[in-house]
Amino acid sequence: MVMSLSGLIDKLFGGGAKPKGAEEEYIELNLSEYEALMEREVANLYVKVAEIANLNELQEIRKEIYNGNIVIIDLSLMRRDRALVERVIRELKQVTEDIHGDIAGISEDLIITTPTGVKIDRRKIIGGKY
């Protein structure tokens, strides 16, 4: 028996036309057990997300950077105060220099800091190419 390539693919992967009126079946995932398991697991490095509105919040972000974590910082709450944004960025640059890490802008409101040994590649991957 000779089967076409498309017929073989349909047979292996369940392709082909679906009968009219056939509804997609979705499975509701309960991730609470997985999340509870992950909370107990210890990691050497965490990716933390921070939102900063004033200088008082900078100390906690510094602590996370010094602890060796990657921190993504949302500056959108300070966007109207350009001088404050520049001061925060200047201080974050100093922290990353102290630990020989890296810092880069992701967008107008987001920056990322990395610890020692982690560098940020500033080239964008577009369509699988740089």
Protein backbone atom coordinates (compact mmCIF):
# COMPACT_ATOMS: atom_id res chain seq x y z
CA MET A 1 0.00 0.00 0.00
CA VAL A 2 1.44 3.36 -1.02
CA MET A 3 0.62 6.40 1.16
CA SER A 4 1.31 9.98 0.19
CA LEU A 5 3.56 12.12 2.36
CA SER A 6 0.65 14.32 3.43
CA GLY A 7 -1.40 11.22 4.22
CA LEU A 8 1.43 9.88 6.37
CA ILE A 9 1.77 13.19 8.21
CA ASP A 10 -2.00 13.33 8.76
CA LYS A 11 -1.97 9.79 10.14
CA LEU A 12 1.00 10.42 12.45
CA PHE A 13 0.02 13.86 13.72
CA GLY A 14 -3.75 13.77 13.46
CA GLY A 15 -3.91 16.39 10.75
CA GLY A 16 -6.52 16.69 8.10
CA ALA A 17 -9.87 18.36 8.02
CA LYS A 18 -12.06 18.24 11.11
CA PRO A 19 -15.72 17.49 10.79
CA LYS A 20 -17.93 20.56 10.74
CA GLY A 21 -19.18 21.45 14.19
CA ALA A 22 -16.34 19.66 15.96
CA GLU A 23 -15.37 21.71 18.99
CA GLU A 24 -11.86 22.04 20.30
CA GLU A 25 -11.38 20.38 23.66
CA TYR A 26 -9.56 22.35 26.32
CA ILE A 27 -8.23 21.04 29.58
CA GLU A 28 -8.34 23.35 32.58
CA LEU A 29 -4.92 23.28 34.24
CA ASN A 30 -4.58 23.59 37.98
CA LEU A 31 -1.09 24.95 38.56
CA SER A 32 -1.42 25.40 42.33
CA GLU A 33 0.34 22.10 43.10
CA TYR A 34 3.20 23.02 40.74
CA GLU A 35 3.48 26.52 42.20
CA ALA A 36 3.56 25.17 45.75
CA LEU A 37 6.34 22.76 44.78
CA MET A 38 8.33 25.56 43.12
CA GLU A 39 8.06 27.79 46.21
CA ARG A 40 9.84 25.14 48.29
CA GLU A 41 12.59 24.67 45.74
CA VAL A 42 15.71 26.78 46.29
CA ALA A 43 17.56 28.32 43.33
CA ASN A 44 20.95 29.95 42.95
CA LEU A 45 19.51 32.76 40.85
CA TYR A 46 16.08 34.35 40.68
CA VAL A 47 14.50 36.68 38.15
CA LYS A 48 12.75 39.37 40.18
CA VAL A 49 10.36 42.05 38.97
CA ALA A 50 10.33 45.39 40.77
CA GLU A 51 8.22 48.49 40.48
CA ILE A 52 9.70 51.71 41.77
CA ALA A 53 7.90 54.97 42.51
CA ASN A 54 10.41 56.75 44.78
CA LEU A 55 13.95 56.58 46.13
CA ASN A 56 12.88 54.76 49.30
CA GLU A 57 12.15 51.65 47.23
CA LEU A 58 15.61 51.63 45.68
CA GLN A 59 17.23 50.00 48.73
CA GLU A 60 15.26 46.76 48.31
CA ILE A 61 16.14 46.61 44.61
CA ARG A 62 19.83 47.13 45.43
CA LYS A 63 19.62 44.28 47.92
CA GLU A 64 18.26 41.93 45.26
CA ILE A 65 21.00 42.91 42.81
CA TYR A 66 23.72 42.40 45.45
CA ASN A 67 22.15 39.01 46.25
CA GLY A 68 22.95 37.96 42.68
CA ASN A 69 19.48 38.07 41.16
CA ILE A 70 18.35 39.35 37.78
CA VAL A 71 16.00 42.27 38.38
CA ILE A 72 13.57 43.74 35.86
CA ILE A 73 12.60 47.22 37.06
CA ASP A 74 9.46 49.10 36.01
CA LEU A 75 10.07 52.86 36.08
CA SER A 76 6.63 53.86 34.74
CA LEU A 77 5.44 55.25 38.09
CA MET A 78 8.30 57.79 38.02
CA ARG A 79 8.05 58.67 34.33
CA ARG A 80 6.85 62.26 34.98
CA ASP A 81 9.93 63.10 37.09
CA ARG A 82 12.81 62.84 34.61
CA ALA A 83 15.42 63.91 37.19
CA LEU A 84 14.32 61.12 39.56
CA VAL A 85 14.42 58.53 36.77
CA GLU A 86 17.95 59.61 35.83
CA ARG A 87 19.08 59.44 39.47
CA VAL A 88 17.64 55.94 39.93
CA ILE A 89 19.28 54.72 36.72
CA ARG A 90 22.59 56.28 37.76
CA GLU A 91 22.45 54.51 41.14
CA LEU A 92 21.50 51.18 39.53
CA LYS A 93 24.40 51.53 37.11
CA GLN A 94 26.72 52.03 40.09
CA VAL A 95 25.42 48.88 41.80
CA THR A 96 25.88 46.78 38.65
CA GLU A 97 29.40 48.17 38.20
CA ASP A 98 30.19 47.28 41.84
CA ILE A 99 29.27 43.64 41.24
CA HIS A 100 30.58 43.50 37.63
CA GLY A 101 27.07 42.88 36.35
CA ASP A 102 25.20 44.48 33.48
CA ILE A 103 22.28 46.87 32.99
CA ALA A 104 20.22 47.69 29.90
CA GLY A 105 16.95 49.27 28.88
CA ILE A 106 14.22 46.93 27.65
CA SER A 107 11.76 49.70 26.83
CA GLU A 108 11.13 53.29 27.89
CA ASP A 109 9.80 52.11 31.25
CA LEU A 110 11.72 48.86 31.85
CA ILE A 111 15.36 48.17 32.64
CA ILE A 112 17.08 44.93 33.52
CA THR A 113 20.07 44.35 35.78
CA THR A 114 22.12 41.17 35.90
CA PRO A 115 24.67 39.85 38.40
CA THR A 116 28.31 38.90 37.94
CA GLY A 117 28.82 36.49 35.08
CA VAL A 118 25.59 37.36 33.26
CA LYS A 119 25.81 39.78 30.36
CA ILE A 120 22.95 41.24 28.34
CA ASP A 121 23.08 40.72 24.59
CA ARG A 122 21.69 43.92 23.13
CA ARG A 123 21.02 42.45 19.69
CA LYS A 124 17.39 41.57 19.01
CA ILE A 125 16.46 38.16 17.67
CA ILE A 126 14.06 38.72 14.80
CA GLY A 127 12.76 35.75 12.87
CA GLY A 128 15.44 33.50 14.29
CA LYS A 129 18.24 35.85 13.17
CA TYR A 130 20.12 38.67 14.86
